[in-house]
Amino acid sequence: MNYDTVPVMLSGKDLDYLSDMFDWNSIACKKAYHYFNELQNEELKQLVEEIRKVHYDNLNKIIDTINNMGGSNE
């Protein structure tokens, strides 16, 4: 097939990579949440919360990528 423009799609390999990235960030987010609740030092708690937010934002970006790139059946 010849296309005038590149079709918007995610390959199986793309989905595998996104799945791995999601897993890595999910685990990091969960661990940060756990350690946040265990820490007493407010400075460290703030740092761990920032780390958790970064990974949580990454999770949302991955979900957005899948929804925006793979959600079309055109």
N, C-alpha and C. Protein backbone atom coordinates (compact mmCIF):
# COMPACT_ATOMS: atom_id res chain seq x y z
N MET A 1 0.83 -1.18 0.00
CA MET A 1 0.00 0.00 0.00
C MET A 1 0.87 1.24 0.00
N ASN A 2 0.45 2.23 -0.73
CA ASN A 2 1.11 3.53 -0.72
C ASN A 2 0.23 4.52 0.01
N TYR A 3 0.84 5.26 0.91
CA TYR A 3 0.12 6.26 1.68
C TYR A 3 0.64 7.63 1.34
N ASP A 4 -0.27 8.61 1.25
CA ASP A 4 0.15 10.00 1.10
C ASP A 4 0.71 10.53 2.40
N THR A 5 0.18 10.06 3.51
CA THR A 5 0.68 10.42 4.83
C THR A 5 0.87 9.14 5.63
N VAL A 6 1.70 9.22 6.62
CA VAL A 6 1.95 8.06 7.48
C VAL A 6 0.70 7.82 8.33
N PRO A 7 0.18 6.59 8.35
CA PRO A 7 -1.01 6.33 9.15
C PRO A 7 -0.71 6.44 10.65
N VAL A 8 -1.70 6.89 11.39
CA VAL A 8 -1.56 7.00 12.84
C VAL A 8 -1.89 5.64 13.43
N MET A 9 -0.86 4.99 14.00
CA MET A 9 -1.07 3.66 14.55
C MET A 9 0.05 3.32 15.53
N LEU A 10 -0.22 2.33 16.34
CA LEU A 10 0.80 1.78 17.23
C LEU A 10 1.02 0.34 16.83
N SER A 11 2.27 -0.04 16.68
CA SER A 11 2.57 -1.43 16.34
C SER A 11 2.58 -2.27 17.62
N GLY A 12 2.63 -3.57 17.46
CA GLY A 12 2.74 -4.46 18.61
C GLY A 12 4.01 -4.17 19.40
N LYS A 13 5.09 -3.88 18.69
CA LYS A 13 6.35 -3.56 19.36
C LYS A 13 6.23 -2.25 20.15
N ASP A 14 5.53 -1.27 19.58
CA ASP A 14 5.28 -0.01 20.29
C ASP A 14 4.51 -0.27 21.58
N LEU A 15 3.47 -1.10 21.49
CA LEU A 15 2.66 -1.40 22.66
C LEU A 15 3.46 -2.15 23.72
N ASP A 16 4.33 -3.05 23.28
CA ASP A 16 5.19 -3.76 24.24
C ASP A 16 6.09 -2.78 24.98
N TYR A 17 6.68 -1.83 24.26
CA TYR A 17 7.56 -0.85 24.89
C TYR A 17 6.78 0.05 25.82
N LEU A 18 5.59 0.51 25.38
CA LEU A 18 4.77 1.35 26.24
C LEU A 18 4.32 0.59 27.49
N SER A 19 4.04 -0.68 27.34
CA SER A 19 3.66 -1.51 28.48
C SER A 19 4.82 -1.60 29.49
N ASP A 20 6.02 -1.81 28.98
CA ASP A 20 7.20 -1.85 29.86
C ASP A 20 7.39 -0.51 30.58
N MET A 21 7.28 0.59 29.83
CA MET A 21 7.45 1.91 30.45
C MET A 21 6.38 2.15 31.50
N PHE A 22 5.15 1.71 31.21
CA PHE A 22 4.08 1.86 32.18
C PHE A 22 4.39 1.08 33.46
N ASP A 23 4.84 -0.15 33.29
CA ASP A 23 5.19 -0.98 34.45
C ASP A 23 6.30 -0.35 35.29
N TRP A 24 7.36 0.15 34.63
CA TRP A 24 8.47 0.76 35.35
C TRP A 24 8.00 1.96 36.17
N ASN A 25 7.20 2.81 35.54
CA ASN A 25 6.73 4.01 36.22
C ASN A 25 5.71 3.69 37.30
N SER A 26 4.89 2.69 37.07
CA SER A 26 3.91 2.28 38.07
C SER A 26 4.61 1.77 39.33
N ILE A 27 5.60 0.93 39.15
CA ILE A 27 6.36 0.39 40.28
C ILE A 27 7.06 1.52 41.04
N ALA A 28 7.70 2.43 40.30
CA ALA A 28 8.40 3.55 40.94
C ALA A 28 7.42 4.44 41.70
N CYS A 29 6.25 4.67 41.14
CA CYS A 29 5.23 5.50 41.79
C CYS A 29 4.75 4.83 43.08
N LYS A 30 4.51 3.53 43.01
CA LYS A 30 4.06 2.79 44.20
C LYS A 30 5.13 2.78 45.29
N LYS A 31 6.38 2.59 44.89
CA LYS A 31 7.46 2.59 45.89
C LYS A 31 7.62 3.96 46.52
N ALA A 32 7.53 5.01 45.72
CA ALA A 32 7.64 6.36 46.26
C ALA A 32 6.50 6.62 47.24
N TYR A 33 5.30 6.19 46.91
CA TYR A 33 4.16 6.36 47.81
C TYR A 33 4.40 5.63 49.12
N HIS A 34 4.91 4.40 49.02
CA HIS A 34 5.20 3.62 50.22
C HIS A 34 6.23 4.33 51.10
N TYR A 35 7.34 4.76 50.51
CA TYR A 35 8.39 5.40 51.30
C TYR A 35 7.95 6.75 51.85
N PHE A 36 7.11 7.45 51.11
CA PHE A 36 6.57 8.72 51.61
C PHE A 36 5.87 8.50 52.95
N ASN A 37 5.09 7.43 53.02
CA ASN A 37 4.35 7.14 54.25
C ASN A 37 5.24 6.62 55.37
N GLU A 38 6.42 6.14 55.05
CA GLU A 38 7.33 5.61 56.06
C GLU A 38 8.30 6.66 56.63
N LEU A 39 8.54 7.70 55.87
CA LEU A 39 9.54 8.69 56.26
C LEU A 39 9.02 9.64 57.33
N GLN A 40 9.93 10.11 58.16
CA GLN A 40 9.62 11.11 59.19
C GLN A 40 10.19 12.48 58.80
N ASN A 41 11.29 12.49 58.08
CA ASN A 41 11.97 13.72 57.69
C ASN A 41 11.15 14.43 56.61
N GLU A 42 10.70 15.65 56.91
CA GLU A 42 9.83 16.39 55.98
C GLU A 42 10.53 16.74 54.67
N GLU A 43 11.80 17.03 54.73
CA GLU A 43 12.56 17.36 53.51
C GLU A 43 12.62 16.15 52.57
N LEU A 44 12.89 14.98 53.15
CA LEU A 44 12.91 13.76 52.34
C LEU A 44 11.52 13.40 51.83
N LYS A 45 10.50 13.62 52.66
CA LYS A 45 9.13 13.35 52.23
C LYS A 45 8.76 14.21 51.02
N GLN A 46 9.18 15.47 51.05
CA GLN A 46 8.89 16.38 49.94
C GLN A 46 9.60 15.89 48.66
N LEU A 47 10.84 15.47 48.78
CA LEU A 47 11.59 14.96 47.63
C LEU A 47 10.94 13.70 47.07
N VAL A 48 10.55 12.78 47.94
CA VAL A 48 9.91 11.54 47.50
C VAL A 48 8.56 11.84 46.84
N GLU A 49 7.84 12.82 47.35
CA GLU A 49 6.56 13.20 46.73
C GLU A 49 6.78 13.78 45.34
N GLU A 50 7.82 14.56 45.15
CA GLU A 50 8.15 15.08 43.82
C GLU A 50 8.49 13.94 42.86
N ILE A 51 9.21 12.95 43.35
CA ILE A 51 9.55 11.78 42.53
C ILE A 51 8.28 11.03 42.14
N ARG A 52 7.38 10.85 43.11
CA ARG A 52 6.11 10.17 42.83
C ARG A 52 5.31 10.91 41.77
N LYS A 53 5.28 12.24 41.86
CA LYS A 53 4.53 13.04 40.89
C LYS A 53 5.11 12.89 39.48
N VAL A 54 6.43 12.84 39.37
CA VAL A 54 7.06 12.66 38.05
C VAL A 54 6.62 11.34 37.43
N HIS A 55 6.66 10.27 38.22
CA HIS A 55 6.28 8.97 37.69
C HIS A 55 4.78 8.89 37.41
N TYR A 56 3.98 9.54 38.24
CA TYR A 56 2.54 9.58 38.01
C TYR A 56 2.23 10.34 36.71
N ASP A 57 2.91 11.45 36.48
CA ASP A 57 2.74 12.20 35.23
C ASP A 57 3.16 11.36 34.03
N ASN A 58 4.24 10.59 34.18
CA ASN A 58 4.67 9.71 33.10
C ASN A 58 3.60 8.67 32.79
N LEU A 59 2.96 8.13 33.82
CA LEU A 59 1.89 7.16 33.61
C LEU A 59 0.76 7.78 32.78
N ASN A 60 0.39 8.99 33.12
CA ASN A 60 -0.68 9.67 32.37
C ASN A 60 -0.27 9.97 30.93
N LYS A 61 0.99 10.30 30.72
CA LYS A 61 1.46 10.56 29.35
C LYS A 61 1.42 9.28 28.52
N ILE A 62 1.76 8.16 29.12
CA ILE A 62 1.72 6.88 28.41
C ILE A 62 0.28 6.54 28.05
N ILE A 63 -0.63 6.72 28.99
CA ILE A 63 -2.04 6.46 28.72
C ILE A 63 -2.55 7.38 27.61
N ASP A 64 -2.19 8.65 27.66
CA ASP A 64 -2.60 9.60 26.61
C ASP A 64 -2.05 9.19 25.26
N THR A 65 -0.81 8.73 25.23
CA THR A 65 -0.20 8.29 23.97
C THR A 65 -0.99 7.13 23.38
N ILE A 66 -1.33 6.17 24.20
CA ILE A 66 -2.09 5.01 23.72
C ILE A 66 -3.47 5.45 23.24
N ASN A 67 -4.14 6.29 24.02
CA ASN A 67 -5.48 6.76 23.64
C ASN A 67 -5.47 7.58 22.36
N ASN A 68 -4.47 8.43 22.19
CA ASN A 68 -4.43 9.32 21.03
C ASN A 68 -3.88 8.66 19.78
N MET A 69 -2.96 7.73 19.93
CA MET A 69 -2.34 7.10 18.76
C MET A 69 -3.06 5.82 18.34
N GLY A 70 -3.54 5.08 19.29
CA GLY A 70 -4.10 3.78 18.97
C GLY A 70 -5.60 3.72 19.03
N GLY A 71 -6.24 4.81 19.36
CA GLY A 71 -7.68 4.78 19.55
C GLY A 71 -8.51 4.91 18.30
N SER A 72 -7.89 5.20 17.19
CA SER A 72 -8.63 5.41 15.95
C SER A 72 -8.67 4.13 15.12
N ASN A 73 -9.85 3.83 14.56
CA ASN A 73 -10.01 2.66 13.69
C ASN A 73 -10.16 3.06 12.23
N GLU A 74 -9.67 4.22 11.88
CA GLU A 74 -9.84 4.71 10.50
C GLU A 74 -8.93 3.99 9.55
